[in-house]
Amino acid sequence: MIIVEDVILSEQILERKFACQLDKCKGACCLEGDAGAPLLHSELTEIGSRIEAIKPFMTEESLALLDKNGFYTRDSEGDLVTECHGAGACIFVRFTDTGITQCAIEQAHAAGAIDYKKPISCHLYPIRAKKYGSYVAMNYHDWDICGDACKAGSEMNVPVYVFLKEALTRKMGAKWYSALEEVAVAWEAKKDAK
């Protein structure tokens, strides 16, 4: 484990390579899994206060589900997650003509309708972050649907933390990310010295 200020990171975040390949996986992480995307309590307000501006970007099926259940629920462990359709798709999923998933929240942001990009858990994926006391634990989520992303990341030599610079900076701040980069350089130097 690696500690950067009040964050405990798994070594895989520095060692593993990753570059998302949406054209290959079609955004399967938005469709599969045992629950929706993890949400922070603050994100209930972030999304809820913008839901009217997000609705035009949602599918008819998702709007019906929203009217019935709202946009969030709790998973089997009691954690907040996005509501999902019966087959597992997140309530905010929509599709391109080529079958690639898009996020209605992210599409509303891209169109300038809202100033909120998407849930931080989605932005950080394949990193999963969870609060433990005064620390945040960040772990790499290894999932076979991301095989093409791992292959592409290896070919381009892009570590997970580099691929997720924007998301990590959004979550922890630019100063923290700079500290992470310093730790990563020292980590690599130490590995090379062995």
N, C-alpha and C. Protein backbone atom coordinates (compact mmCIF):
# COMPACT_ATOMS: atom_id res chain seq x y z
N MET A 1 0.83 -1.19 0.00
CA MET A 1 0.00 0.00 0.00
C MET A 1 0.88 1.25 0.00
N ILE A 2 0.36 2.30 -0.59
CA ILE A 2 1.07 3.57 -0.70
C ILE A 2 0.20 4.63 -0.05
N ILE A 3 0.82 5.50 0.75
CA ILE A 3 0.08 6.57 1.40
C ILE A 3 0.52 7.90 0.82
N VAL A 4 -0.45 8.68 0.34
CA VAL A 4 -0.22 10.04 -0.14
C VAL A 4 -1.18 10.92 0.65
N GLU A 5 -0.61 11.66 1.60
CA GLU A 5 -1.39 12.47 2.54
C GLU A 5 -2.41 11.58 3.25
N ASP A 6 -3.72 11.84 3.08
CA ASP A 6 -4.72 11.05 3.79
C ASP A 6 -5.39 10.00 2.88
N VAL A 7 -4.65 9.58 1.86
CA VAL A 7 -5.16 8.58 0.92
C VAL A 7 -4.25 7.36 0.93
N ILE A 8 -4.86 6.19 1.07
CA ILE A 8 -4.15 4.92 0.98
C ILE A 8 -4.48 4.32 -0.38
N LEU A 9 -3.44 4.12 -1.20
CA LEU A 9 -3.64 3.60 -2.55
C LEU A 9 -3.06 2.20 -2.68
N SER A 10 -3.74 1.38 -3.46
CA SER A 10 -3.15 0.09 -3.78
C SER A 10 -2.03 0.31 -4.79
N GLU A 11 -1.02 -0.54 -4.73
CA GLU A 11 0.13 -0.42 -5.63
C GLU A 11 -0.28 -0.56 -7.09
N GLN A 12 -1.37 -1.25 -7.35
CA GLN A 12 -1.84 -1.45 -8.72
C GLN A 12 -2.16 -0.14 -9.42
N ILE A 13 -2.53 0.87 -8.68
CA ILE A 13 -2.87 2.16 -9.29
C ILE A 13 -1.64 2.79 -9.94
N LEU A 14 -0.46 2.50 -9.40
CA LEU A 14 0.78 2.98 -10.00
C LEU A 14 1.33 1.98 -11.03
N GLU A 15 1.12 0.71 -10.79
CA GLU A 15 1.74 -0.33 -11.62
C GLU A 15 0.92 -0.72 -12.84
N ARG A 16 -0.38 -0.84 -12.70
CA ARG A 16 -1.23 -1.30 -13.81
C ARG A 16 -1.33 -0.23 -14.88
N LYS A 17 -1.50 -0.68 -16.11
CA LYS A 17 -1.66 0.22 -17.25
C LYS A 17 -3.13 0.16 -17.69
N PHE A 18 -3.63 1.31 -18.17
CA PHE A 18 -5.06 1.38 -18.49
C PHE A 18 -5.33 2.55 -19.44
N ALA A 19 -6.11 2.30 -20.47
CA ALA A 19 -6.59 3.34 -21.38
C ALA A 19 -7.92 2.87 -21.94
N CYS A 20 -9.00 3.44 -21.45
CA CYS A 20 -10.35 3.00 -21.79
C CYS A 20 -10.53 2.88 -23.31
N GLN A 21 -11.18 1.82 -23.72
CA GLN A 21 -11.43 1.53 -25.14
C GLN A 21 -12.94 1.34 -25.36
N LEU A 22 -13.67 2.43 -25.33
CA LEU A 22 -15.13 2.36 -25.45
C LEU A 22 -15.60 1.68 -26.73
N ASP A 23 -14.84 1.83 -27.79
CA ASP A 23 -15.24 1.19 -29.04
C ASP A 23 -15.21 -0.34 -28.94
N LYS A 24 -14.44 -0.86 -27.98
CA LYS A 24 -14.34 -2.31 -27.79
C LYS A 24 -15.34 -2.82 -26.75
N CYS A 25 -15.37 -2.20 -25.58
CA CYS A 25 -16.23 -2.70 -24.50
C CYS A 25 -17.65 -2.15 -24.57
N LYS A 26 -17.84 -1.08 -25.34
CA LYS A 26 -19.15 -0.43 -25.52
C LYS A 26 -19.70 0.18 -24.23
N GLY A 27 -18.83 0.34 -23.22
CA GLY A 27 -19.28 0.92 -21.95
C GLY A 27 -19.98 -0.09 -21.06
N ALA A 28 -19.49 -1.32 -21.09
CA ALA A 28 -20.12 -2.40 -20.32
C ALA A 28 -20.19 -2.11 -18.82
N CYS A 29 -19.27 -1.29 -18.31
CA CYS A 29 -19.29 -0.99 -16.86
C CYS A 29 -20.55 -0.22 -16.46
N CYS A 30 -21.24 0.39 -17.42
CA CYS A 30 -22.50 1.09 -17.14
C CYS A 30 -23.71 0.16 -17.24
N LEU A 31 -23.47 -1.06 -17.70
CA LEU A 31 -24.55 -2.01 -17.95
C LEU A 31 -24.52 -3.22 -17.04
N GLU A 32 -23.33 -3.59 -16.58
CA GLU A 32 -23.17 -4.83 -15.82
C GLU A 32 -22.77 -4.54 -14.38
N GLY A 33 -22.86 -5.55 -13.56
CA GLY A 33 -22.47 -5.42 -12.16
C GLY A 33 -23.62 -5.79 -11.24
N ASP A 34 -23.32 -5.80 -9.95
CA ASP A 34 -24.35 -6.21 -9.00
C ASP A 34 -25.14 -5.05 -8.43
N ALA A 35 -24.78 -3.80 -8.80
CA ALA A 35 -25.51 -2.61 -8.35
C ALA A 35 -25.12 -1.44 -9.23
N GLY A 36 -25.80 -0.33 -9.05
CA GLY A 36 -25.50 0.87 -9.82
C GLY A 36 -24.19 1.51 -9.38
N ALA A 37 -23.90 2.66 -9.96
CA ALA A 37 -22.68 3.39 -9.64
C ALA A 37 -22.74 3.93 -8.22
N PRO A 38 -21.66 3.74 -7.43
CA PRO A 38 -21.65 4.29 -6.08
C PRO A 38 -21.81 5.81 -6.09
N LEU A 39 -22.58 6.32 -5.14
CA LEU A 39 -22.82 7.75 -5.01
C LEU A 39 -22.42 8.25 -3.64
N LEU A 40 -21.84 9.43 -3.59
CA LEU A 40 -21.61 10.12 -2.32
C LEU A 40 -22.93 10.74 -1.88
N HIS A 41 -23.09 10.91 -0.58
CA HIS A 41 -24.32 11.54 -0.08
C HIS A 41 -24.51 12.92 -0.71
N SER A 42 -23.42 13.67 -0.87
CA SER A 42 -23.50 15.01 -1.47
C SER A 42 -23.98 14.97 -2.92
N GLU A 43 -23.76 13.84 -3.59
CA GLU A 43 -24.16 13.73 -4.99
C GLU A 43 -25.67 13.58 -5.15
N LEU A 44 -26.37 13.20 -4.11
CA LEU A 44 -27.82 13.16 -4.18
C LEU A 44 -28.35 14.57 -4.46
N THR A 45 -27.75 15.56 -3.79
CA THR A 45 -28.13 16.95 -4.03
C THR A 45 -27.59 17.45 -5.36
N GLU A 46 -26.32 17.10 -5.65
CA GLU A 46 -25.70 17.53 -6.91
C GLU A 46 -26.55 17.10 -8.11
N ILE A 47 -26.97 15.85 -8.11
CA ILE A 47 -27.76 15.33 -9.23
C ILE A 47 -29.22 15.75 -9.10
N GLY A 48 -29.76 15.63 -7.90
CA GLY A 48 -31.18 15.96 -7.69
C GLY A 48 -31.53 17.38 -8.07
N SER A 49 -30.64 18.32 -7.77
CA SER A 49 -30.91 19.72 -8.09
C SER A 49 -30.79 20.02 -9.58
N ARG A 50 -30.24 19.07 -10.34
CA ARG A 50 -30.05 19.26 -11.79
C ARG A 50 -30.88 18.28 -12.61
N ILE A 51 -31.71 17.48 -11.95
CA ILE A 51 -32.40 16.39 -12.65
C ILE A 51 -33.30 16.89 -13.78
N GLU A 52 -33.93 18.03 -13.62
CA GLU A 52 -34.79 18.53 -14.68
C GLU A 52 -33.99 18.85 -15.94
N ALA A 53 -32.76 19.34 -15.78
CA ALA A 53 -31.90 19.63 -16.93
C ALA A 53 -31.30 18.36 -17.52
N ILE A 54 -31.24 17.29 -16.73
CA ILE A 54 -30.70 16.01 -17.21
C ILE A 54 -31.76 15.21 -17.96
N LYS A 55 -33.02 15.35 -17.57
CA LYS A 55 -34.11 14.55 -18.15
C LYS A 55 -34.14 14.54 -19.68
N PRO A 56 -33.92 15.68 -20.36
CA PRO A 56 -33.98 15.63 -21.83
C PRO A 56 -32.93 14.71 -22.47
N PHE A 57 -31.93 14.31 -21.70
CA PHE A 57 -30.87 13.45 -22.21
C PHE A 57 -31.08 11.98 -21.84
N MET A 58 -32.16 11.70 -21.11
CA MET A 58 -32.46 10.35 -20.66
C MET A 58 -33.41 9.66 -21.64
N THR A 59 -33.37 8.32 -21.64
CA THR A 59 -34.28 7.54 -22.49
C THR A 59 -35.69 7.54 -21.88
N GLU A 60 -36.67 7.18 -22.70
CA GLU A 60 -38.05 7.09 -22.21
C GLU A 60 -38.17 6.06 -21.09
N GLU A 61 -37.47 4.93 -21.27
CA GLU A 61 -37.50 3.86 -20.25
C GLU A 61 -36.91 4.36 -18.93
N SER A 62 -35.84 5.13 -19.03
CA SER A 62 -35.21 5.66 -17.82
C SER A 62 -36.07 6.72 -17.15
N LEU A 63 -36.75 7.52 -17.95
CA LEU A 63 -37.65 8.52 -17.37
C LEU A 63 -38.79 7.85 -16.61
N ALA A 64 -39.30 6.75 -17.16
CA ALA A 64 -40.36 6.00 -16.47
C ALA A 64 -39.84 5.42 -15.17
N LEU A 65 -38.61 4.89 -15.19
CA LEU A 65 -38.01 4.34 -13.98
C LEU A 65 -37.75 5.45 -12.96
N LEU A 66 -37.32 6.59 -13.43
CA LEU A 66 -37.09 7.75 -12.55
C LEU A 66 -38.38 8.15 -11.85
N ASP A 67 -39.48 8.22 -12.60
CA ASP A 67 -40.77 8.57 -12.01
C ASP A 67 -41.21 7.55 -10.97
N LYS A 68 -40.89 6.30 -11.21
CA LYS A 68 -41.30 5.23 -10.30
C LYS A 68 -40.42 5.13 -9.06
N ASN A 69 -39.08 5.17 -9.24
CA ASN A 69 -38.16 4.87 -8.14
C ASN A 69 -37.20 5.98 -7.75
N GLY A 70 -37.12 7.05 -8.53
CA GLY A 70 -36.09 8.05 -8.29
C GLY A 70 -34.80 7.62 -8.96
N PHE A 71 -33.73 8.38 -8.77
CA PHE A 71 -32.48 8.08 -9.48
C PHE A 71 -31.46 7.31 -8.64
N TYR A 72 -31.76 7.09 -7.36
CA TYR A 72 -30.81 6.36 -6.52
C TYR A 72 -31.53 5.37 -5.62
N THR A 73 -30.72 4.43 -5.11
CA THR A 73 -31.22 3.42 -4.19
C THR A 73 -30.06 3.02 -3.28
N ARG A 74 -30.21 1.96 -2.53
CA ARG A 74 -29.11 1.43 -1.72
C ARG A 74 -28.81 0.00 -2.17
N ASP A 75 -27.52 -0.34 -2.16
CA ASP A 75 -27.14 -1.70 -2.57
C ASP A 75 -27.28 -2.65 -1.38
N SER A 76 -26.83 -3.88 -1.57
CA SER A 76 -26.99 -4.91 -0.54
C SER A 76 -26.22 -4.59 0.74
N GLU A 77 -25.21 -3.70 0.65
CA GLU A 77 -24.45 -3.31 1.83
C GLU A 77 -24.95 -2.00 2.43
N GLY A 78 -26.01 -1.45 1.85
CA GLY A 78 -26.59 -0.21 2.36
C GLY A 78 -25.96 1.05 1.79
N ASP A 79 -25.06 0.91 0.82
CA ASP A 79 -24.40 2.08 0.23
C ASP A 79 -25.28 2.69 -0.86
N LEU A 80 -25.18 4.00 -1.03
CA LEU A 80 -25.93 4.70 -2.07
C LEU A 80 -25.39 4.37 -3.45
N VAL A 81 -26.28 4.08 -4.38
CA VAL A 81 -25.91 3.76 -5.77
C VAL A 81 -26.99 4.31 -6.70
N THR A 82 -26.65 4.45 -7.97
CA THR A 82 -27.65 4.85 -8.95
C THR A 82 -28.67 3.73 -9.13
N GLU A 83 -29.88 4.11 -9.41
CA GLU A 83 -30.94 3.14 -9.73
C GLU A 83 -30.58 2.45 -11.04
N CYS A 84 -30.98 1.20 -11.18
CA CYS A 84 -30.71 0.45 -12.40
C CYS A 84 -31.97 -0.19 -12.94
N HIS A 85 -31.97 -0.41 -14.24
CA HIS A 85 -33.02 -1.19 -14.88
C HIS A 85 -32.82 -2.65 -14.48
N GLY A 86 -33.85 -3.46 -14.64
CA GLY A 86 -33.80 -4.87 -14.25
C GLY A 86 -32.62 -5.63 -14.84
N ALA A 87 -32.23 -5.29 -16.06
CA ALA A 87 -31.11 -6.00 -16.71
C ALA A 87 -29.75 -5.49 -16.24
N GLY A 88 -29.72 -4.46 -15.41
CA GLY A 88 -28.47 -3.98 -14.85
C GLY A 88 -27.98 -2.63 -15.34
N ALA A 89 -28.60 -2.09 -16.39
CA ALA A 89 -28.15 -0.80 -16.92
C ALA A 89 -28.48 0.34 -15.97
N CYS A 90 -27.53 1.23 -15.78
CA CYS A 90 -27.72 2.43 -14.95
C CYS A 90 -28.87 3.26 -15.52
N ILE A 91 -29.60 3.91 -14.66
CA ILE A 91 -30.72 4.74 -15.07
C ILE A 91 -30.30 5.87 -16.02
N PHE A 92 -29.04 6.29 -15.95
CA PHE A 92 -28.58 7.40 -16.77
C PHE A 92 -27.96 6.96 -18.10
N VAL A 93 -28.00 5.65 -18.40
CA VAL A 93 -27.42 5.15 -19.65
C VAL A 93 -28.31 5.48 -20.84
N ARG A 94 -27.66 5.89 -21.90
CA ARG A 94 -28.27 6.00 -23.22
C ARG A 94 -27.25 5.45 -24.21
N PHE A 95 -27.64 5.26 -25.45
CA PHE A 95 -26.75 4.61 -26.41
C PHE A 95 -26.54 5.44 -27.67
N THR A 96 -25.34 5.33 -28.23
CA THR A 96 -25.07 5.93 -29.53
C THR A 96 -25.65 5.00 -30.60
N ASP A 97 -25.61 5.45 -31.85
CA ASP A 97 -26.10 4.62 -32.95
C ASP A 97 -25.28 3.34 -33.10
N THR A 98 -24.04 3.34 -32.61
CA THR A 98 -23.19 2.16 -32.71
C THR A 98 -23.24 1.28 -31.46
N GLY A 99 -24.15 1.59 -30.54
CA GLY A 99 -24.35 0.76 -29.36
C GLY A 99 -23.42 1.04 -28.20
N ILE A 100 -22.68 2.15 -28.24
CA ILE A 100 -21.80 2.52 -27.14
C ILE A 100 -22.60 3.32 -26.11
N THR A 101 -22.40 3.00 -24.85
CA THR A 101 -23.13 3.71 -23.81
C THR A 101 -22.64 5.15 -23.68
N GLN A 102 -23.56 6.00 -23.30
CA GLN A 102 -23.26 7.37 -22.92
C GLN A 102 -23.98 7.63 -21.60
N CYS A 103 -23.51 8.60 -20.86
CA CYS A 103 -24.14 8.98 -19.60
C CYS A 103 -24.98 10.23 -19.84
N ALA A 104 -26.26 10.17 -19.49
CA ALA A 104 -27.14 11.33 -19.67
C ALA A 104 -26.63 12.53 -18.88
N ILE A 105 -26.06 12.29 -17.71
CA ILE A 105 -25.52 13.40 -16.91
C ILE A 105 -24.36 14.03 -17.65
N GLU A 106 -23.45 13.21 -18.14
CA GLU A 106 -22.28 13.72 -18.85
C GLU A 106 -22.69 14.41 -20.15
N GLN A 107 -23.70 13.90 -20.81
CA GLN A 107 -24.18 14.53 -22.04
C GLN A 107 -24.80 15.89 -21.73
N ALA A 108 -25.53 16.00 -20.64
CA ALA A 108 -26.11 17.29 -20.23
C ALA A 108 -25.00 18.29 -19.92
N HIS A 109 -23.93 17.81 -19.29
CA HIS A 109 -22.77 18.66 -18.99
C HIS A 109 -22.09 19.12 -20.27
N ALA A 110 -21.88 18.19 -21.21
CA ALA A 110 -21.21 18.52 -22.47
C ALA A 110 -22.03 19.54 -23.28
N ALA A 111 -23.35 19.47 -23.15
CA ALA A 111 -24.22 20.40 -23.87
C ALA A 111 -24.34 21.75 -23.17
N GLY A 112 -23.73 21.87 -21.98
CA GLY A 112 -23.79 23.13 -21.24
C GLY A 112 -25.06 23.31 -20.43
N ALA A 113 -25.85 22.25 -20.30
CA ALA A 113 -27.11 22.33 -19.56
C ALA A 113 -26.89 22.30 -18.04
N ILE A 114 -25.79 21.67 -17.60
CA ILE A 114 -25.46 21.60 -16.17
C ILE A 114 -23.96 21.80 -15.99
N ASP A 115 -23.56 22.13 -14.77
CA ASP A 115 -22.14 22.35 -14.45
C ASP A 115 -21.55 21.19 -13.64
N TYR A 116 -22.17 20.05 -13.67
CA TYR A 116 -21.74 18.86 -12.93
C TYR A 116 -21.47 17.77 -13.95
N LYS A 117 -20.27 17.16 -13.92
CA LYS A 117 -19.87 16.23 -14.99
C LYS A 117 -20.53 14.86 -14.89
N LYS A 118 -20.38 14.18 -13.78
CA LYS A 118 -20.95 12.85 -13.56
C LYS A 118 -20.52 12.40 -12.17
N PRO A 119 -21.12 11.33 -11.64
CA PRO A 119 -20.69 10.85 -10.32
C PRO A 119 -19.19 10.57 -10.30
N ILE A 120 -18.55 10.93 -9.20
CA ILE A 120 -17.10 10.77 -9.10
C ILE A 120 -16.70 9.30 -9.22
N SER A 121 -17.54 8.38 -8.77
CA SER A 121 -17.19 6.96 -8.89
C SER A 121 -17.08 6.55 -10.35
N CYS A 122 -17.90 7.12 -11.21
CA CYS A 122 -17.83 6.82 -12.65
C CYS A 122 -16.59 7.45 -13.26
N HIS A 123 -16.31 8.68 -12.86
CA HIS A 123 -15.16 9.41 -13.38
C HIS A 123 -13.85 8.72 -12.98
N LEU A 124 -13.82 8.15 -11.79
CA LEU A 124 -12.61 7.51 -11.27
C LEU A 124 -12.40 6.07 -11.77
N TYR A 125 -13.41 5.47 -12.37
CA TYR A 125 -13.29 4.06 -12.72
C TYR A 125 -12.12 3.81 -13.66
N PRO A 126 -11.25 2.81 -13.40
CA PRO A 126 -11.41 1.61 -12.59
C PRO A 126 -10.92 1.72 -11.14
N ILE A 127 -10.75 2.92 -10.64
CA ILE A 127 -10.42 3.08 -9.22
C ILE A 127 -11.73 3.15 -8.44
N ARG A 128 -11.76 2.45 -7.34
CA ARG A 128 -12.87 2.53 -6.39
C ARG A 128 -12.34 3.20 -5.12
N ALA A 129 -13.01 4.25 -4.69
CA ALA A 129 -12.59 5.00 -3.50
C ALA A 129 -13.64 4.85 -2.41
N LYS A 130 -13.18 4.65 -1.19
CA LYS A 130 -14.09 4.50 -0.06
C LYS A 130 -13.47 5.14 1.17
N LYS A 131 -14.27 5.83 1.95
CA LYS A 131 -13.81 6.51 3.15
C LYS A 131 -13.74 5.52 4.30
N TYR A 132 -12.61 5.54 5.01
CA TYR A 132 -12.41 4.74 6.22
C TYR A 132 -11.84 5.65 7.29
N GLY A 133 -12.69 6.07 8.21
CA GLY A 133 -12.24 7.02 9.24
C GLY A 133 -11.78 8.30 8.59
N SER A 134 -10.55 8.71 8.89
CA SER A 134 -10.02 9.95 8.31
C SER A 134 -9.29 9.70 6.99
N TYR A 135 -9.25 8.45 6.54
CA TYR A 135 -8.55 8.11 5.30
C TYR A 135 -9.52 7.78 4.17
N VAL A 136 -9.03 7.97 2.95
CA VAL A 136 -9.72 7.50 1.75
C VAL A 136 -8.88 6.34 1.22
N ALA A 137 -9.51 5.21 1.01
CA ALA A 137 -8.82 4.04 0.44
C ALA A 137 -9.17 3.98 -1.04
N MET A 138 -8.14 3.89 -1.88
CA MET A 138 -8.34 3.77 -3.32
C MET A 138 -7.75 2.46 -3.80
N ASN A 139 -8.59 1.68 -4.46
CA ASN A 139 -8.18 0.38 -4.97
C ASN A 139 -8.50 0.28 -6.46
N TYR A 140 -7.68 -0.49 -7.14
CA TYR A 140 -7.91 -0.78 -8.56
C TYR A 140 -8.93 -1.90 -8.66
N HIS A 141 -9.98 -1.70 -9.43
CA HIS A 141 -11.00 -2.72 -9.61
C HIS A 141 -10.69 -3.51 -10.87
N ASP A 142 -10.28 -4.74 -10.70
CA ASP A 142 -9.89 -5.60 -11.81
C ASP A 142 -11.14 -6.33 -12.32
N TRP A 143 -11.52 -6.05 -13.57
CA TRP A 143 -12.73 -6.62 -14.14
C TRP A 143 -12.44 -7.03 -15.56
N ASP A 144 -12.82 -8.22 -15.94
CA ASP A 144 -12.47 -8.73 -17.27
C ASP A 144 -13.02 -7.91 -18.42
N ILE A 145 -14.09 -7.14 -18.20
CA ILE A 145 -14.64 -6.33 -19.28
C ILE A 145 -13.68 -5.22 -19.69
N CYS A 146 -12.67 -4.96 -18.87
CA CYS A 146 -11.69 -3.91 -19.17
C CYS A 146 -10.40 -4.48 -19.76
N GLY A 147 -10.45 -5.71 -20.25
CA GLY A 147 -9.26 -6.34 -20.83
C GLY A 147 -8.64 -5.52 -21.96
N ASP A 148 -9.47 -4.99 -22.85
CA ASP A 148 -8.95 -4.17 -23.95
C ASP A 148 -8.32 -2.88 -23.44
N ALA A 149 -8.88 -2.31 -22.38
CA ALA A 149 -8.32 -1.09 -21.79
C ALA A 149 -6.94 -1.37 -21.18
N CYS A 150 -6.80 -2.52 -20.54
CA CYS A 150 -5.50 -2.90 -19.96
C CYS A 150 -4.48 -3.15 -21.06
N LYS A 151 -4.89 -3.81 -22.12
CA LYS A 151 -3.99 -4.07 -23.25
C LYS A 151 -3.54 -2.76 -23.89
N ALA A 152 -4.48 -1.87 -24.15
CA ALA A 152 -4.14 -0.58 -24.77
C ALA A 152 -3.24 0.24 -23.84
N GLY A 153 -3.56 0.23 -22.54
CA GLY A 153 -2.72 0.96 -21.58
C GLY A 153 -1.31 0.44 -21.56
N SER A 154 -1.14 -0.88 -21.66
CA SER A 154 0.19 -1.49 -21.70
C SER A 154 0.93 -1.09 -22.97
N GLU A 155 0.23 -1.13 -24.09
CA GLU A 155 0.85 -0.75 -25.36
C GLU A 155 1.29 0.71 -25.37
N MET A 156 0.50 1.57 -24.73
CA MET A 156 0.82 3.01 -24.69
C MET A 156 1.63 3.40 -23.45
N ASN A 157 1.82 2.41 -22.53
CA ASN A 157 2.53 2.64 -21.26
C ASN A 157 1.89 3.77 -20.45
N VAL A 158 0.57 3.65 -20.24
CA VAL A 158 -0.18 4.66 -19.48
C VAL A 158 -0.63 4.04 -18.16
N PRO A 159 -0.01 4.41 -17.05
CA PRO A 159 -0.46 3.91 -15.75
C PRO A 159 -1.88 4.40 -15.42
N VAL A 160 -2.57 3.64 -14.60
CA VAL A 160 -3.94 4.00 -14.19
C VAL A 160 -4.00 5.43 -13.68
N TYR A 161 -3.07 5.81 -12.79
CA TYR A 161 -3.14 7.14 -12.18
C TYR A 161 -2.95 8.25 -13.21
N VAL A 162 -2.22 7.97 -14.29
CA VAL A 162 -2.03 8.97 -15.35
C VAL A 162 -3.31 9.07 -16.19
N PHE A 163 -3.87 7.93 -16.54
CA PHE A 163 -5.11 7.92 -17.30
C PHE A 163 -6.22 8.67 -16.56
N LEU A 164 -6.21 8.57 -15.24
CA LEU A 164 -7.27 9.18 -14.42
C LEU A 164 -6.86 10.50 -13.78
N LYS A 165 -5.91 11.20 -14.36
CA LYS A 165 -5.43 12.46 -13.78
C LYS A 165 -6.58 13.45 -13.52
N GLU A 166 -7.44 13.65 -14.52
CA GLU A 166 -8.54 14.60 -14.35
C GLU A 166 -9.46 14.19 -13.20
N ALA A 167 -9.81 12.93 -13.15
CA ALA A 167 -10.72 12.45 -12.11
C ALA A 167 -10.08 12.51 -10.73
N LEU A 168 -8.82 12.09 -10.64
CA LEU A 168 -8.12 12.14 -9.34
C LEU A 168 -7.95 13.58 -8.87
N THR A 169 -7.69 14.48 -9.79
CA THR A 169 -7.56 15.90 -9.44
C THR A 169 -8.91 16.45 -8.98
N ARG A 170 -9.96 16.05 -9.67
CA ARG A 170 -11.32 16.46 -9.26
C ARG A 170 -11.62 15.97 -7.85
N LYS A 171 -11.25 14.73 -7.55
CA LYS A 171 -11.56 14.14 -6.24
C LYS A 171 -10.70 14.71 -5.12
N MET A 172 -9.38 14.83 -5.38
CA MET A 172 -8.45 15.14 -4.29
C MET A 172 -7.76 16.50 -4.41
N GLY A 173 -7.82 17.13 -5.58
CA GLY A 173 -7.19 18.43 -5.77
C GLY A 173 -5.85 18.33 -6.50
N ALA A 174 -5.45 19.44 -7.11
CA ALA A 174 -4.23 19.47 -7.92
C ALA A 174 -2.98 19.28 -7.06
N LYS A 175 -2.97 19.84 -5.87
CA LYS A 175 -1.80 19.69 -4.99
C LYS A 175 -1.59 18.23 -4.61
N TRP A 176 -2.68 17.56 -4.29
CA TRP A 176 -2.59 16.14 -3.95
C TRP A 176 -2.10 15.35 -5.15
N TYR A 177 -2.60 15.64 -6.34
CA TYR A 177 -2.18 14.88 -7.52
C TYR A 177 -0.69 15.08 -7.79
N SER A 178 -0.20 16.29 -7.57
CA SER A 178 1.24 16.54 -7.74
C SER A 178 2.05 15.69 -6.76
N ALA A 179 1.55 15.58 -5.54
CA ALA A 179 2.22 14.73 -4.54
C ALA A 179 2.20 13.27 -4.99
N LEU A 180 1.09 12.83 -5.57
CA LEU A 180 0.99 11.46 -6.09
C LEU A 180 2.02 11.24 -7.20
N GLU A 181 2.18 12.20 -8.10
CA GLU A 181 3.16 12.08 -9.18
C GLU A 181 4.57 11.92 -8.62
N GLU A 182 4.89 12.68 -7.58
CA GLU A 182 6.21 12.57 -6.95
C GLU A 182 6.41 11.18 -6.35
N VAL A 183 5.39 10.68 -5.70
CA VAL A 183 5.45 9.34 -5.12
C VAL A 183 5.63 8.30 -6.22
N ALA A 184 4.92 8.48 -7.33
CA ALA A 184 5.00 7.52 -8.44
C ALA A 184 6.39 7.51 -9.05
N VAL A 185 7.02 8.66 -9.21
CA VAL A 185 8.39 8.74 -9.75
C VAL A 185 9.35 8.02 -8.82
N ALA A 186 9.23 8.26 -7.52
CA ALA A 186 10.09 7.60 -6.53
C ALA A 186 9.84 6.09 -6.53
N TRP A 187 8.60 5.69 -6.68
CA TRP A 187 8.22 4.28 -6.73
C TRP A 187 8.90 3.59 -7.91
N GLU A 188 8.83 4.22 -9.08
CA GLU A 188 9.45 3.65 -10.28
C GLU A 188 10.97 3.56 -10.12
N ALA A 189 11.56 4.61 -9.56
CA ALA A 189 13.02 4.62 -9.37
C ALA A 189 13.45 3.49 -8.43
N LYS A 190 12.65 3.28 -7.39
CA LYS A 190 12.95 2.22 -6.43
C LYS A 190 12.83 0.86 -7.10
N LYS A 191 11.83 0.67 -7.95
CA LYS A 191 11.66 -0.60 -8.66
C LYS A 191 12.81 -0.82 -9.64
N ASP A 192 13.21 0.23 -10.33
CA ASP A 192 14.30 0.12 -11.31
C ASP A 192 15.63 -0.18 -10.66
N ALA A 193 15.80 0.27 -9.41
CA ALA A 193 17.06 0.07 -8.69
C ALA A 193 17.23 -1.39 -8.23
N LYS A 194 16.15 -2.14 -8.19
CA LYS A 194 16.22 -3.53 -7.71
C LYS A 194 16.82 -4.44 -8.74
